[in-house]
Amino acid sequence: MGYRRRIYFTAEQKNEIWDRWQRGESMSSIGRGFERESSSIYPLLSRTGGIRPPERRRSRLSLTLVEREEISRGLQSRLSLRCIARQLQRSASTISREVKRNGGTAHYKGGPV
């Protein structure tokens, strides 16, 4: 028995599915609109009990793109992680974890997440 190929929906397609579901269309009808079986629509809707999930937002505590770029510039200038943390008014452990998570001091690039 072979495995079926996993079906992925783009963010735009997911929004369309949720819009149709909220208008009262059946899963079969929605599936036909995407040329898929209703069984490929069901997992998307069932994950949240048929209620559209809230839009995802980054935590206000997470590092911003500007802060990540500042870390990158600080590392290029050979500043210590503690010095960079002081400049950004962040904990040194926050900066250390960020750098370690993204390639270490030698390879850190402060680009988009």
PDB file of N, CA and C in Angstrom:
ATOM      1  N   MET A   1       0.840  -1.178   0.000  1.00  0.00           N
ATOM      2  CA  MET A   1       0.000   0.000   0.000  1.00  0.00           C
ATOM      3  C   MET A   1       0.886   1.243   0.000  1.00  0.00           C
ATOM      4  N   GLY A   2       0.658   2.133  -0.928  1.00  0.00           N
ATOM      5  CA  GLY A   2       1.466   3.344  -1.025  1.00  0.00           C
ATOM      6  C   GLY A   2       0.890   4.476  -0.186  1.00  0.00           C
ATOM      7  N   TYR A   3       1.736   5.390   0.142  1.00  0.00           N
ATOM      8  CA  TYR A   3       1.311   6.559   0.906  1.00  0.00           C
ATOM      9  C   TYR A   3       0.784   7.628  -0.032  1.00  0.00           C
ATOM     10  N   ARG A   4      -0.225   8.342   0.454  1.00  0.00           N
ATOM     11  CA  ARG A   4      -0.729   9.465  -0.333  1.00  0.00           C
ATOM     12  C   ARG A   4       0.160  10.676  -0.096  1.00  0.00           C
ATOM     13  N   ARG A   5       0.287  11.503  -1.107  1.00  0.00           N
ATOM     14  CA  ARG A   5       1.088  12.722  -0.994  1.00  0.00           C
ATOM     15  C   ARG A   5       0.363  13.722  -0.096  1.00  0.00           C
ATOM     16  N   ARG A   6       1.082  14.353   0.813  1.00  0.00           N
ATOM     17  CA  ARG A   6       0.486  15.317   1.732  1.00  0.00           C
ATOM     18  C   ARG A   6       0.077  16.564   0.961  1.00  0.00           C
ATOM     19  N   ILE A   7      -1.089  17.094   1.306  1.00  0.00           N
ATOM     20  CA  ILE A   7      -1.618  18.275   0.628  1.00  0.00           C
ATOM     21  C   ILE A   7      -1.384  19.493   1.516  1.00  0.00           C
ATOM     22  N   TYR A   8      -0.736  20.490   0.967  1.00  0.00           N
ATOM     23  CA  TYR A   8      -0.490  21.731   1.695  1.00  0.00           C
ATOM     24  C   TYR A   8      -1.311  22.841   1.049  1.00  0.00           C
ATOM     25  N   PHE A   9      -1.874  23.698   1.869  1.00  0.00           N
ATOM     26  CA  PHE A   9      -2.602  24.856   1.381  1.00  0.00           C
ATOM     27  C   PHE A   9      -1.795  26.111   1.689  1.00  0.00           C
ATOM     28  N   THR A  10      -1.826  27.070   0.782  1.00  0.00           N
ATOM     29  CA  THR A  10      -1.170  28.351   1.038  1.00  0.00           C
ATOM     30  C   THR A  10      -2.019  29.144   2.026  1.00  0.00           C
ATOM     31  N   ALA A  11      -1.460  30.207   2.578  1.00  0.00           N
ATOM     32  CA  ALA A  11      -2.199  31.048   3.520  1.00  0.00           C
ATOM     33  C   ALA A  11      -3.457  31.617   2.851  1.00  0.00           C
ATOM     34  N   GLU A  12      -3.323  31.990   1.579  1.00  0.00           N
ATOM     35  CA  GLU A  12      -4.462  32.540   0.833  1.00  0.00           C
ATOM     36  C   GLU A  12      -5.560  31.486   0.673  1.00  0.00           C
ATOM     37  N   GLN A  13      -5.158  30.262   0.368  1.00  0.00           N
ATOM     38  CA  GLN A  13      -6.138  29.185   0.221  1.00  0.00           C
ATOM     39  C   GLN A  13      -6.819  28.872   1.553  1.00  0.00           C
ATOM     40  N   LYS A  14      -6.046  28.886   2.640  1.00  0.00           N
ATOM     41  CA  LYS A  14      -6.637  28.638   3.957  1.00  0.00           C
ATOM     42  C   LYS A  14      -7.674  29.702   4.292  1.00  0.00           C
ATOM     43  N   ASN A  15      -7.362  30.961   3.978  1.00  0.00           N
ATOM     44  CA  ASN A  15      -8.336  32.031   4.224  1.00  0.00           C
ATOM     45  C   ASN A  15      -9.611  31.810   3.421  1.00  0.00           C
ATOM     46  N   GLU A  16      -9.448  31.387   2.175  1.00  0.00           N
ATOM     47  CA  GLU A  16     -10.609  31.116   1.323  1.00  0.00           C
ATOM     48  C   GLU A  16     -11.447  29.967   1.895  1.00  0.00           C
ATOM     49  N   ILE A  17     -10.777  28.938   2.387  1.00  0.00           N
ATOM     50  CA  ILE A  17     -11.490  27.807   2.991  1.00  0.00           C
ATOM     51  C   ILE A  17     -12.280  28.272   4.208  1.00  0.00           C
ATOM     52  N   TRP A  18     -11.623  29.064   5.073  1.00  0.00           N
ATOM     53  CA  TRP A  18     -12.325  29.556   6.267  1.00  0.00           C
ATOM     54  C   TRP A  18     -13.488  30.464   5.889  1.00  0.00           C
ATOM     55  N   ASP A  19     -13.310  31.310   4.890  1.00  0.00           N
ATOM     56  CA  ASP A  19     -14.409  32.193   4.445  1.00  0.00           C
ATOM     57  C   ASP A  19     -15.596  31.367   3.965  1.00  0.00           C
ATOM     58  N   ARG A  20     -15.328  30.355   3.162  1.00  0.00           N
ATOM     59  CA  ARG A  20     -16.408  29.510   2.647  1.00  0.00           C
ATOM     60  C   ARG A  20     -17.101  28.754   3.780  1.00  0.00           C
ATOM     61  N   TRP A  21     -16.303  28.259   4.729  1.00  0.00           N
ATOM     62  CA  TRP A  21     -16.860  27.513   5.858  1.00  0.00           C
ATOM     63  C   TRP A  21     -17.772  28.419   6.693  1.00  0.00           C
ATOM     64  N   GLN A  22     -17.345  29.662   6.908  1.00  0.00           N
ATOM     65  CA  GLN A  22     -18.151  30.604   7.685  1.00  0.00           C
ATOM     66  C   GLN A  22     -19.435  30.991   6.963  1.00  0.00           C
ATOM     67  N   ARG A  23     -19.416  30.939   5.624  1.00  0.00           N
ATOM     68  CA  ARG A  23     -20.638  31.219   4.860  1.00  0.00           C
ATOM     69  C   ARG A  23     -21.594  30.035   4.862  1.00  0.00           C
ATOM     70  N   GLY A  24     -21.140  28.898   5.415  1.00  0.00           N
ATOM     71  CA  GLY A  24     -22.014  27.747   5.535  1.00  0.00           C
ATOM     72  C   GLY A  24     -21.854  26.692   4.462  1.00  0.00           C
ATOM     73  N   GLU A  25     -20.821  26.782   3.643  1.00  0.00           N
ATOM     74  CA  GLU A  25     -20.607  25.764   2.617  1.00  0.00           C
ATOM     75  C   GLU A  25     -20.144  24.464   3.262  1.00  0.00           C
ATOM     76  N   SER A  26     -20.476  23.353   2.644  1.00  0.00           N
ATOM     77  CA  SER A  26     -20.062  22.048   3.160  1.00  0.00           C
ATOM     78  C   SER A  26     -18.602  21.780   2.790  1.00  0.00           C
ATOM     79  N   MET A  27     -18.021  20.812   3.494  1.00  0.00           N
ATOM     80  CA  MET A  27     -16.633  20.445   3.188  1.00  0.00           C
ATOM     81  C   MET A  27     -16.530  19.877   1.772  1.00  0.00           C
ATOM     82  N   SER A  28     -17.536  19.162   1.341  1.00  0.00           N
ATOM     83  CA  SER A  28     -17.526  18.604  -0.022  1.00  0.00           C
ATOM     84  C   SER A  28     -17.507  19.719  -1.053  1.00  0.00           C
ATOM     85  N   SER A  29     -18.324  20.723  -0.814  1.00  0.00           N
ATOM     86  CA  SER A  29     -18.396  21.857  -1.736  1.00  0.00           C
ATOM     87  C   SER A  29     -17.065  22.627  -1.770  1.00  0.00           C
ATOM     88  N   ILE A  30     -16.492  22.836  -0.587  1.00  0.00           N
ATOM     89  CA  ILE A  30     -15.214  23.542  -0.501  1.00  0.00           C
ATOM     90  C   ILE A  30     -14.133  22.727  -1.214  1.00  0.00           C
ATOM     91  N   GLY A  31     -14.129  21.419  -0.977  1.00  0.00           N
ATOM     92  CA  GLY A  31     -13.153  20.533  -1.610  1.00  0.00           C
ATOM     93  C   GLY A  31     -13.250  20.581  -3.126  1.00  0.00           C
ATOM     94  N   ARG A  32     -14.486  20.574  -3.645  1.00  0.00           N
ATOM     95  CA  ARG A  32     -14.664  20.651  -5.097  1.00  0.00           C
ATOM     96  C   ARG A  32     -14.090  21.949  -5.652  1.00  0.00           C
ATOM     97  N   GLY A  33     -14.233  23.025  -4.906  1.00  0.00           N
ATOM     98  CA  GLY A  33     -13.689  24.318  -5.337  1.00  0.00           C
ATOM     99  C   GLY A  33     -12.176  24.308  -5.480  1.00  0.00           C
ATOM    100  N   PHE A  34     -11.516  23.441  -4.724  1.00  0.00           N
ATOM    101  CA  PHE A  34     -10.054  23.332  -4.776  1.00  0.00           C
ATOM    102  C   PHE A  34      -9.607  22.072  -5.507  1.00  0.00           C
ATOM    103  N   GLU A  35     -10.569  21.378  -6.122  1.00  0.00           N
ATOM    104  CA  GLU A  35     -10.300  20.133  -6.831  1.00  0.00           C
ATOM    105  C   GLU A  35      -9.619  19.116  -5.913  1.00  0.00           C
ATOM    106  N   ARG A  36     -10.132  19.005  -4.701  1.00  0.00           N
ATOM    107  CA  ARG A  36      -9.616  18.076  -3.703  1.00  0.00           C
ATOM    108  C   ARG A  36     -10.807  17.372  -3.050  1.00  0.00           C
ATOM    109  N   GLU A  37     -10.511  16.287  -2.355  1.00  0.00           N
ATOM    110  CA  GLU A  37     -11.536  15.581  -1.600  1.00  0.00           C
ATOM    111  C   GLU A  37     -11.847  16.363  -0.326  1.00  0.00           C
ATOM    112  N   SER A  38     -13.040  16.130   0.219  1.00  0.00           N
ATOM    113  CA  SER A  38     -13.391  16.805   1.472  1.00  0.00           C
ATOM    114  C   SER A  38     -12.472  16.348   2.601  1.00  0.00           C
ATOM    115  N   SER A  39     -11.887  15.167   2.468  1.00  0.00           N
ATOM    116  CA  SER A  39     -10.979  14.656   3.498  1.00  0.00           C
ATOM    117  C   SER A  39      -9.707  15.496   3.609  1.00  0.00           C
ATOM    118  N   SER A  40      -9.397  16.292   2.589  1.00  0.00           N
ATOM    119  CA  SER A  40      -8.231  17.171   2.683  1.00  0.00           C
ATOM    120  C   SER A  40      -8.597  18.500   3.331  1.00  0.00           C
ATOM    121  N   ILE A  41      -9.895  18.806   3.407  1.00  0.00           N
ATOM    122  CA  ILE A  41     -10.361  20.041   4.042  1.00  0.00           C
ATOM    123  C   ILE A  41     -10.583  19.817   5.540  1.00  0.00           C
ATOM    124  N   TYR A  42     -11.039  18.633   5.877  1.00  0.00           N
ATOM    125  CA  TYR A  42     -11.410  18.316   7.257  1.00  0.00           C
ATOM    126  C   TYR A  42     -10.315  18.612   8.286  1.00  0.00           C
ATOM    127  N   PRO A  43      -9.053  18.173   8.075  1.00  0.00           N
ATOM    128  CA  PRO A  43      -8.028  18.423   9.103  1.00  0.00           C
ATOM    129  C   PRO A  43      -7.813  19.909   9.405  1.00  0.00           C
ATOM    130  N   LEU A  44      -7.916  20.735   8.404  1.00  0.00           N
ATOM    131  CA  LEU A  44      -7.734  22.174   8.608  1.00  0.00           C
ATOM    132  C   LEU A  44      -8.824  22.733   9.520  1.00  0.00           C
ATOM    133  N   LEU A  45     -10.051  22.310   9.294  1.00  0.00           N
ATOM    134  CA  LEU A  45     -11.178  22.815  10.071  1.00  0.00           C
ATOM    135  C   LEU A  45     -11.270  22.170  11.456  1.00  0.00           C
ATOM    136  N   SER A  46     -10.930  20.903  11.546  1.00  0.00           N
ATOM    137  CA  SER A  46     -11.109  20.183  12.814  1.00  0.00           C
ATOM    138  C   SER A  46     -10.083  20.569  13.870  1.00  0.00           C
ATOM    139  N   ARG A  47      -8.915  21.061  13.452  1.00  0.00           N
ATOM    140  CA  ARG A  47      -7.860  21.432  14.404  1.00  0.00           C
ATOM    141  C   ARG A  47      -8.347  22.426  15.446  1.00  0.00           C
ATOM    142  N   THR A  48      -9.258  23.308  15.039  1.00  0.00           N
ATOM    143  CA  THR A  48      -9.752  24.336  15.966  1.00  0.00           C
ATOM    144  C   THR A  48     -11.251  24.201  16.198  1.00  0.00           C
ATOM    145  N   GLY A  49     -11.777  23.015  15.942  1.00  0.00           N
ATOM    146  CA  GLY A  49     -13.199  22.773  16.203  1.00  0.00           C
ATOM    147  C   GLY A  49     -14.120  23.529  15.265  1.00  0.00           C
ATOM    148  N   GLY A  50     -13.651  23.865  14.072  1.00  0.00           N
ATOM    149  CA  GLY A  50     -14.488  24.571  13.109  1.00  0.00           C
ATOM    150  C   GLY A  50     -14.557  26.072  13.331  1.00  0.00           C
ATOM    151  N   ILE A  51     -13.741  26.580  14.246  1.00  0.00           N
ATOM    152  CA  ILE A  51     -13.706  28.019  14.535  1.00  0.00           C
ATOM    153  C   ILE A  51     -12.400  28.571  13.988  1.00  0.00           C
ATOM    154  N   ARG A  52     -12.498  29.646  13.201  1.00  0.00           N
ATOM    155  CA  ARG A  52     -11.290  30.234  12.601  1.00  0.00           C
ATOM    156  C   ARG A  52     -10.319  30.660  13.702  1.00  0.00           C
ATOM    157  N   PRO A  53      -9.056  30.216  13.598  1.00  0.00           N
ATOM    158  CA  PRO A  53      -8.082  30.610  14.623  1.00  0.00           C
ATOM    159  C   PRO A  53      -7.726  32.089  14.504  1.00  0.00           C
ATOM    160  N   PRO A  54      -7.345  32.712  15.611  1.00  0.00           N
ATOM    161  CA  PRO A  54      -6.949  34.123  15.537  1.00  0.00           C
ATOM    162  C   PRO A  54      -5.671  34.280  14.725  1.00  0.00           C
ATOM    163  N   GLU A  55      -5.500  35.446  14.134  1.00  0.00           N
ATOM    164  CA  GLU A  55      -4.294  35.720  13.353  1.00  0.00           C
ATOM    165  C   GLU A  55      -3.085  35.700  14.272  1.00  0.00           C
ATOM    166  N   ARG A  56      -2.001  35.079  13.794  1.00  0.00           N
ATOM    167  CA  ARG A  56      -0.808  34.961  14.617  1.00  0.00           C
ATOM    168  C   ARG A  56      -0.061  36.289  14.671  1.00  0.00           C
ATOM    169  N   ARG A  57       0.419  36.615  15.867  1.00  0.00           N
ATOM    170  CA  ARG A  57       1.217  37.825  16.055  1.00  0.00           C
ATOM    171  C   ARG A  57       2.423  37.482  16.907  1.00  0.00           C
ATOM    172  N   ARG A  58       3.531  38.127  16.613  1.00  0.00           N
ATOM    173  CA  ARG A  58       4.726  37.905  17.413  1.00  0.00           C
ATOM    174  C   ARG A  58       4.539  38.528  18.786  1.00  0.00           C
ATOM    175  N   SER A  59       5.137  37.902  19.782  1.00  0.00           N
ATOM    176  CA  SER A  59       5.089  38.419  21.141  1.00  0.00           C
ATOM    177  C   SER A  59       5.804  39.771  21.204  1.00  0.00           C
ATOM    178  N   ARG A  60       5.306  40.649  22.032  1.00  0.00           N
ATOM    179  CA  ARG A  60       5.965  41.949  22.199  1.00  0.00           C
ATOM    180  C   ARG A  60       7.323  41.793  22.863  1.00  0.00           C
ATOM    181  N   LEU A  61       7.566  40.622  23.458  1.00  0.00           N
ATOM    182  CA  LEU A  61       8.845  40.365  24.122  1.00  0.00           C
ATOM    183  C   LEU A  61       9.916  39.856  23.166  1.00  0.00           C
ATOM    184  N   SER A  62       9.520  39.400  21.987  1.00  0.00           N
ATOM    185  CA  SER A  62      10.508  38.862  21.044  1.00  0.00           C
ATOM    186  C   SER A  62      11.343  39.992  20.452  1.00  0.00           C
ATOM    187  N   LEU A  63      12.531  39.641  20.005  1.00  0.00           N
ATOM    188  CA  LEU A  63      13.430  40.632  19.425  1.00  0.00           C
ATOM    189  C   LEU A  63      12.875  41.162  18.107  1.00  0.00           C
ATOM    190  N   THR A  64      13.030  42.445  17.889  1.00  0.00           N
ATOM    191  CA  THR A  64      12.568  43.054  16.641  1.00  0.00           C
ATOM    192  C   THR A  64      13.662  42.931  15.583  1.00  0.00           C
ATOM    193  N   LEU A  65      13.296  43.212  14.349  1.00  0.00           N
ATOM    194  CA  LEU A  65      14.265  43.166  13.256  1.00  0.00           C
ATOM    195  C   LEU A  65      15.385  44.178  13.491  1.00  0.00           C
ATOM    196  N   VAL A  66      15.048  45.343  14.003  1.00  0.00           N
ATOM    197  CA  VAL A  66      16.055  46.375  14.290  1.00  0.00           C
ATOM    198  C   VAL A  66      17.042  45.868  15.341  1.00  0.00           C
ATOM    199  N   GLU A  67      16.529  45.197  16.374  1.00  0.00           N
ATOM    200  CA  GLU A  67      17.412  44.663  17.410  1.00  0.00           C
ATOM    201  C   GLU A  67      18.318  43.565  16.844  1.00  0.00           C
ATOM    202  N   ARG A  68      17.770  42.723  15.978  1.00  0.00           N
ATOM    203  CA  ARG A  68      18.570  41.662  15.371  1.00  0.00           C
ATOM    204  C   ARG A  68      19.691  42.244  14.508  1.00  0.00           C
ATOM    205  N   GLU A  69      19.373  43.307  13.779  1.00  0.00           N
ATOM    206  CA  GLU A  69      20.403  43.964  12.964  1.00  0.00           C
ATOM    207  C   GLU A  69      21.464  44.586  13.855  1.00  0.00           C
ATOM    208  N   GLU A  70      21.053  45.148  14.980  1.00  0.00           N
ATOM    209  CA  GLU A  70      21.992  45.752  15.924  1.00  0.00           C
ATOM    210  C   GLU A  70      22.919  44.686  16.520  1.00  0.00           C
ATOM    211  N   ILE A  71      22.384  43.514  16.797  1.00  0.00           N
ATOM    212  CA  ILE A  71      23.204  42.405  17.283  1.00  0.00           C
ATOM    213  C   ILE A  71      24.235  42.035  16.222  1.00  0.00           C
ATOM    214  N   SER A  72      23.790  41.950  14.972  1.00  0.00           N
ATOM    215  CA  SER A  72      24.694  41.604  13.878  1.00  0.00           C
ATOM    216  C   SER A  72      25.822  42.624  13.754  1.00  0.00           C
ATOM    217  N   ARG A  73      25.469  43.903  13.815  1.00  0.00           N
ATOM    218  CA  ARG A  73      26.497  44.952  13.726  1.00  0.00           C
ATOM    219  C   ARG A  73      27.455  44.895  14.919  1.00  0.00           C
ATOM    220  N   GLY A  74      26.906  44.628  16.100  1.00  0.00           N
ATOM    221  CA  GLY A  74      27.742  44.522  17.300  1.00  0.00           C
ATOM    222  C   GLY A  74      28.726  43.368  17.195  1.00  0.00           C
ATOM    223  N   LEU A  75      28.271  42.243  16.664  1.00  0.00           N
ATOM    224  CA  LEU A  75      29.161  41.093  16.508  1.00  0.00           C
ATOM    225  C   LEU A  75      30.249  41.375  15.476  1.00  0.00           C
ATOM    226  N   GLN A  76      29.887  42.084  14.402  1.00  0.00           N
ATOM    227  CA  GLN A  76      30.887  42.445  13.393  1.00  0.00           C
ATOM    228  C   GLN A  76      31.928  43.395  13.964  1.00  0.00           C
ATOM    229  N   SER A  77      31.506  44.226  14.923  1.00  0.00           N
ATOM    230  CA  SER A  77      32.426  45.162  15.580  1.00  0.00           C
ATOM    231  C   SER A  77      33.190  44.503  16.721  1.00  0.00           C
ATOM    232  N   ARG A  78      32.969  43.195  16.897  1.00  0.00           N
ATOM    233  CA  ARG A  78      33.622  42.403  17.928  1.00  0.00           C
ATOM    234  C   ARG A  78      33.277  42.868  19.342  1.00  0.00           C
ATOM    235  N   LEU A  79      32.039  43.339  19.525  1.00  0.00           N
ATOM    236  CA  LEU A  79      31.570  43.675  20.866  1.00  0.00           C
ATOM    237  C   LEU A  79      31.162  42.400  21.579  1.00  0.00           C
ATOM    238  N   SER A  80      31.242  42.405  22.899  1.00  0.00           N
ATOM    239  CA  SER A  80      30.818  41.230  23.664  1.00  0.00           C
ATOM    240  C   SER A  80      29.288  41.169  23.671  1.00  0.00           C
ATOM    241  N   LEU A  81      28.760  39.980  23.926  1.00  0.00           N
ATOM    242  CA  LEU A  81      27.303  39.820  23.987  1.00  0.00           C
ATOM    243  C   LEU A  81      26.718  40.659  25.125  1.00  0.00           C
ATOM    244  N   ARG A  82      27.443  40.756  26.213  1.00  0.00           N
ATOM    245  CA  ARG A  82      26.967  41.576  27.345  1.00  0.00           C
ATOM    246  C   ARG A  82      26.901  43.064  26.972  1.00  0.00           C
ATOM    247  N   CYS A  83      27.878  43.516  26.216  1.00  0.00           N
ATOM    248  CA  CYS A  83      27.892  44.919  25.781  1.00  0.00           C
ATOM    249  C   CYS A  83      26.707  45.187  24.844  1.00  0.00           C
ATOM    250  N   ILE A  84      26.468  44.262  23.922  1.00  0.00           N
ATOM    251  CA  ILE A  84      25.339  44.397  22.995  1.00  0.00           C
ATOM    252  C   ILE A  84      24.032  44.401  23.781  1.00  0.00           C
ATOM    253  N   ALA A  85      23.938  43.512  24.769  1.00  0.00           N
ATOM    254  CA  ALA A  85      22.729  43.423  25.588  1.00  0.00           C
ATOM    255  C   ALA A  85      22.484  44.731  26.339  1.00  0.00           C
ATOM    256  N   ARG A  86      23.548  45.318  26.862  1.00  0.00           N
ATOM    257  CA  ARG A  86      23.412  46.587  27.574  1.00  0.00           C
ATOM    258  C   ARG A  86      22.906  47.687  26.645  1.00  0.00           C
ATOM    259  N   GLN A  87      23.441  47.740  25.425  1.00  0.00           N
ATOM    260  CA  GLN A  87      23.019  48.760  24.453  1.00  0.00           C
ATOM    261  C   GLN A  87      21.534  48.615  24.101  1.00  0.00           C
ATOM    262  N   LEU A  88      21.072  47.358  24.012  1.00  0.00           N
ATOM    263  CA  LEU A  88      19.682  47.102  23.629  1.00  0.00           C
ATOM    264  C   LEU A  88      18.747  47.061  24.831  1.00  0.00           C
ATOM    265  N   GLN A  89      19.314  47.175  26.030  1.00  0.00           N
ATOM    266  CA  GLN A  89      18.545  47.088  27.270  1.00  0.00           C
ATOM    267  C   GLN A  89      17.776  45.765  27.330  1.00  0.00           C
ATOM    268  N   ARG A  90      18.494  44.703  27.016  1.00  0.00           N
ATOM    269  CA  ARG A  90      17.965  43.339  27.058  1.00  0.00           C
ATOM    270  C   ARG A  90      18.870  42.505  27.940  1.00  0.00           C
ATOM    271  N   SER A  91      18.374  41.372  28.371  1.00  0.00           N
ATOM    272  CA  SER A  91      19.168  40.440  29.157  1.00  0.00           C
ATOM    273  C   SER A  91      20.261  39.833  28.282  1.00  0.00           C
ATOM    274  N   ALA A  92      21.432  39.622  28.871  1.00  0.00           N
ATOM    275  CA  ALA A  92      22.538  39.015  28.126  1.00  0.00           C
ATOM    276  C   ALA A  92      22.164  37.602  27.671  1.00  0.00           C
ATOM    277  N   SER A  93      21.354  36.896  28.467  1.00  0.00           N
ATOM    278  CA  SER A  93      20.955  35.539  28.080  1.00  0.00           C
ATOM    279  C   SER A  93      20.049  35.556  26.861  1.00  0.00           C
ATOM    280  N   THR A  94      19.230  36.587  26.721  1.00  0.00           N
ATOM    281  CA  THR A  94      18.364  36.719  25.544  1.00  0.00           C
ATOM    282  C   THR A  94      19.212  36.851  24.285  1.00  0.00           C
ATOM    283  N   ILE A  95      20.231  37.701  24.357  1.00  0.00           N
ATOM    284  CA  ILE A  95      21.118  37.921  23.216  1.00  0.00           C
ATOM    285  C   ILE A  95      21.906  36.648  22.922  1.00  0.00           C
ATOM    286  N   SER A  96      22.400  36.006  23.975  1.00  0.00           N
ATOM    287  CA  SER A  96      23.166  34.774  23.812  1.00  0.00           C
ATOM    288  C   SER A  96      22.338  33.685  23.139  1.00  0.00           C
ATOM    289  N   ARG A  97      21.101  33.495  23.586  1.00  0.00           N
ATOM    290  CA  ARG A  97      20.236  32.474  22.984  1.00  0.00           C
ATOM    291  C   ARG A  97      19.938  32.795  21.527  1.00  0.00           C
ATOM    292  N   GLU A  98      19.691  34.067  21.231  1.00  0.00           N
ATOM    293  CA  GLU A  98      19.407  34.494  19.856  1.00  0.00           C
ATOM    294  C   GLU A  98      20.580  34.170  18.942  1.00  0.00           C
ATOM    295  N   VAL A  99      21.784  34.501  19.397  1.00  0.00           N
ATOM    296  CA  VAL A  99      22.984  34.277  18.586  1.00  0.00           C
ATOM    297  C   VAL A  99      23.230  32.781  18.424  1.00  0.00           C
ATOM    298  N   LYS A 100      23.122  32.028  19.504  1.00  0.00           N
ATOM    299  CA  LYS A 100      23.355  30.585  19.451  1.00  0.00           C
ATOM    300  C   LYS A 100      22.344  29.906  18.530  1.00  0.00           C
ATOM    301  N   ARG A 101      21.092  30.330  18.586  1.00  0.00           N
ATOM    302  CA  ARG A 101      20.013  29.754  17.778  1.00  0.00           C
ATOM    303  C   ARG A 101      20.213  30.014  16.292  1.00  0.00           C
ATOM    304  N   ASN A 102      20.956  31.062  15.953  1.00  0.00           N
ATOM    305  CA  ASN A 102      21.083  31.475  14.554  1.00  0.00           C
ATOM    306  C   ASN A 102      22.516  31.446  14.031  1.00  0.00           C
ATOM    307  N   GLY A 103      23.261  30.413  14.382  1.00  0.00           N
ATOM    308  CA  GLY A 103      24.563  30.195  13.760  1.00  0.00           C
ATOM    309  C   GLY A 103      25.772  30.557  14.582  1.00  0.00           C
ATOM    310  N   GLY A 104      25.600  31.087  15.777  1.00  0.00           N
ATOM    311  CA  GLY A 104      26.739  31.442  16.612  1.00  0.00           C
ATOM    312  C   GLY A 104      27.349  32.777  16.207  1.00  0.00           C
ATOM    313  N   THR A 105      28.362  33.189  16.953  1.00  0.00           N
ATOM    314  CA  THR A 105      28.954  34.516  16.726  1.00  0.00           C
ATOM    315  C   THR A 105      29.624  34.629  15.365  1.00  0.00           C
ATOM    316  N   ALA A 106      30.105  33.530  14.814  1.00  0.00           N
ATOM    317  CA  ALA A 106      30.803  33.585  13.530  1.00  0.00           C
ATOM    318  C   ALA A 106      29.846  33.689  12.341  1.00  0.00           C
ATOM    319  N   HIS A 107      28.633  33.163  12.489  1.00  0.00           N
ATOM    320  CA  HIS A 107      27.727  33.082  11.324  1.00  0.00           C
ATOM    321  C   HIS A 107      26.404  33.833  11.515  1.00  0.00           C
ATOM    322  N   TYR A 108      26.261  34.597  12.585  1.00  0.00           N
ATOM    323  CA  TYR A 108      24.979  35.255  12.864  1.00  0.00           C
ATOM    324  C   TYR A 108      24.648  36.300  11.799  1.00  0.00           C
ATOM    325  N   LYS A 109      23.428  36.200  11.289  1.00  0.00           N
ATOM    326  CA  LYS A 109      22.896  37.217  10.359  1.00  0.00           C
ATOM    327  C   LYS A 109      21.585  37.700  10.965  1.00  0.00           C
ATOM    328  N   GLY A 110      21.444  38.964  11.204  1.00  0.00           N
ATOM    329  CA  GLY A 110      20.275  39.496  11.881  1.00  0.00           C
ATOM    330  C   GLY A 110      19.125  39.794  10.961  1.00  0.00           C
ATOM    331  N   GLY A 111      18.810  38.926  10.036  1.00  0.00           N
ATOM    332  CA  GLY A 111      17.743  39.167   9.068  1.00  0.00           C
ATOM    333  C   GLY A 111      16.372  38.804   9.593  1.00  0.00           C
ATOM    334  N   PRO A 112      15.397  38.758   8.698  1.00  0.00           N
ATOM    335  CA  PRO A 112      14.016  38.467   9.087  1.00  0.00           C
ATOM    336  C   PRO A 112      13.886  37.047   9.620  1.00  0.00           C
ATOM    337  N   VAL A 113      12.895  36.860  10.481  1.00  0.00           N
ATOM    338  CA  VAL A 113      12.668  35.582  11.141  1.00  0.00           C
ATOM    339  C   VAL A 113      11.911  34.648  10.241  1.00  0.00           C
TER     340      VAL A 113
END
